[in-house]
């Protein structure tokens, strides 16, 4: 998962709350760091996404493969 895919997944899943969750929510699995702090520290975006999903009780069927754009046609 790339950073852009992570941000797109957060926006899609959390909509209006996305920005505040990424900026303000300390994630237990990331030693209390926010998603932005973890990104700045070099934590892989997929690890951050999964930590956010656990923290926010996102159903497992919405955790994988999100944030990707549909392949472009030829």
C-alpha atoms as a PDB file:
ATOM      1  CA  UNK A   1       0.000   0.000   0.000  1.00  0.00           C
ATOM      2  CA  UNK A   2       1.357   3.394  -0.980  1.00  0.00           C
ATOM      3  CA  UNK A   3       0.873   6.564   1.014  1.00  0.00           C
ATOM      4  CA  UNK A   4      -1.635   7.853  -1.563  1.00  0.00           C
ATOM      5  CA  UNK A   5      -3.598   4.594  -1.316  1.00  0.00           C
ATOM      6  CA  UNK A   6      -3.573   4.870   2.471  1.00  0.00           C
ATOM      7  CA  UNK A   7      -4.942   8.409   2.383  1.00  0.00           C
ATOM      8  CA  UNK A   8      -7.582   7.447  -0.195  1.00  0.00           C
ATOM      9  CA  UNK A   9      -8.629   4.450   1.950  1.00  0.00           C
ATOM     10  CA  UNK A  10      -8.934   6.648   5.058  1.00  0.00           C
ATOM     11  CA  UNK A  11     -11.001   9.218   3.155  1.00  0.00           C
ATOM     12  CA  UNK A  12     -13.279   6.527   1.735  1.00  0.00           C
ATOM     13  CA  UNK A  13     -13.812   4.696   5.017  1.00  0.00           C
ATOM     14  CA  UNK A  14     -14.070   7.610   7.439  1.00  0.00           C
ATOM     15  CA  UNK A  15     -15.217  10.473   5.185  1.00  0.00           C
ATOM     16  CA  UNK A  16     -15.648  13.668   7.258  1.00  0.00           C
ATOM     17  CA  UNK A  17     -13.728  12.219  10.214  1.00  0.00           C
ATOM     18  CA  UNK A  18     -10.710  11.169   8.124  1.00  0.00           C
ATOM     19  CA  UNK A  19      -8.563  14.240   8.736  1.00  0.00           C
ATOM     20  CA  UNK A  20      -9.076  14.332  12.481  1.00  0.00           C
ATOM     21  CA  UNK A  21      -8.429  10.592  12.826  1.00  0.00           C
ATOM     22  CA  UNK A  22      -5.155  10.782  10.884  1.00  0.00           C
ATOM     23  CA  UNK A  23      -3.998  13.906  12.728  1.00  0.00           C
ATOM     24  CA  UNK A  24      -5.268  13.349  16.269  1.00  0.00           C
ATOM     25  CA  UNK A  25      -5.969   9.700  17.100  1.00  0.00           C
ATOM     26  CA  UNK A  26      -3.147   7.945  18.962  1.00  0.00           C
ATOM     27  CA  UNK A  27      -3.044   4.341  17.779  1.00  0.00           C
ATOM     28  CA  UNK A  28      -2.344   1.677  20.395  1.00  0.00           C
ATOM     29  CA  UNK A  29      -0.619  -0.644  17.923  1.00  0.00           C
ATOM     30  CA  UNK A  30       1.760   2.186  16.992  1.00  0.00           C
ATOM     31  CA  UNK A  31       2.803   3.044  20.568  1.00  0.00           C
ATOM     32  CA  UNK A  32       0.326   5.910  20.749  1.00  0.00           C
ATOM     33  CA  UNK A  33       1.559   7.691  17.637  1.00  0.00           C
ATOM     34  CA  UNK A  34      -0.919   9.235  15.232  1.00  0.00           C
ATOM     35  CA  UNK A  35      -1.074   8.022  11.650  1.00  0.00           C
ATOM     36  CA  UNK A  36       0.773  11.137  10.478  1.00  0.00           C
ATOM     37  CA  UNK A  37       3.510  10.673  13.078  1.00  0.00           C
ATOM     38  CA  UNK A  38       3.895   7.045  12.067  1.00  0.00           C
ATOM     39  CA  UNK A  39       4.096   7.993   8.370  1.00  0.00           C
ATOM     40  CA  UNK A  40       6.756  10.585   9.192  1.00  0.00           C
ATOM     41  CA  UNK A  41       8.687   7.947  11.145  1.00  0.00           C
ATOM     42  CA  UNK A  42       8.724   5.641   8.116  1.00  0.00           C
ATOM     43  CA  UNK A  43       6.117   3.122   9.248  1.00  0.00           C
ATOM     44  CA  UNK A  44       4.657   1.349   6.205  1.00  0.00           C
ATOM     45  CA  UNK A  45       1.245   2.787   5.261  1.00  0.00           C
ATOM     46  CA  UNK A  46      -0.368  -0.682   5.259  1.00  0.00           C
ATOM     47  CA  UNK A  47       0.681  -1.221   8.883  1.00  0.00           C
ATOM     48  CA  UNK A  48      -0.823   2.149   9.803  1.00  0.00           C
ATOM     49  CA  UNK A  49      -4.026   1.384   7.883  1.00  0.00           C
ATOM     50  CA  UNK A  50      -4.492  -1.927   9.687  1.00  0.00           C
ATOM     51  CA  UNK A  51      -3.777  -0.311  13.079  1.00  0.00           C
ATOM     52  CA  UNK A  52      -6.379   2.368  12.337  1.00  0.00           C
ATOM     53  CA  UNK A  53      -8.888  -0.279  11.256  1.00  0.00           C
ATOM     54  CA  UNK A  54      -8.400  -2.210  14.495  1.00  0.00           C
ATOM     55  CA  UNK A  55      -8.673   0.931  16.601  1.00  0.00           C
ATOM     56  CA  UNK A  56     -11.875   2.010  14.840  1.00  0.00           C
ATOM     57  CA  UNK A  57     -13.440  -1.482  14.599  1.00  0.00           C
ATOM     58  CA  UNK A  58     -13.566  -1.499  10.810  1.00  0.00           C
ATOM     59  CA  UNK A  59     -14.931  -4.883   9.664  1.00  0.00           C
ATOM     60  CA  UNK A  60     -12.236  -7.160   8.242  1.00  0.00           C
ATOM     61  CA  UNK A  61     -13.936  -7.331   4.852  1.00  0.00           C
ATOM     62  CA  UNK A  62     -13.287  -3.579   4.403  1.00  0.00           C
ATOM     63  CA  UNK A  63      -9.618  -3.646   5.429  1.00  0.00           C
ATOM     64  CA  UNK A  64      -7.932  -5.256   2.427  1.00  0.00           C
ATOM     65  CA  UNK A  65      -7.451  -3.937  -1.076  1.00  0.00           C
ATOM     66  CA  UNK A  66      -8.847  -0.501  -0.313  1.00  0.00           C
ATOM     67  CA  UNK A  67      -7.421   2.752  -1.596  1.00  0.00           C
ATOM     68  CA  UNK A  68      -6.439   1.384  -4.972  1.00  0.00           C
ATOM     69  CA  UNK A  69      -7.617   3.047  -8.116  1.00  0.00           C
ATOM     70  CA  UNK A  70      -9.289   0.943 -10.765  1.00  0.00           C
ATOM     71  CA  UNK A  71      -6.838  -0.064 -13.539  1.00  0.00           C
ATOM     72  CA  UNK A  72      -6.840   2.283 -16.493  1.00  0.00           C
ATOM     73  CA  UNK A  73      -8.223   1.052 -19.799  1.00  0.00           C
ATOM     74  CA  UNK A  74      -5.910   0.804 -22.789  1.00  0.00           C
END
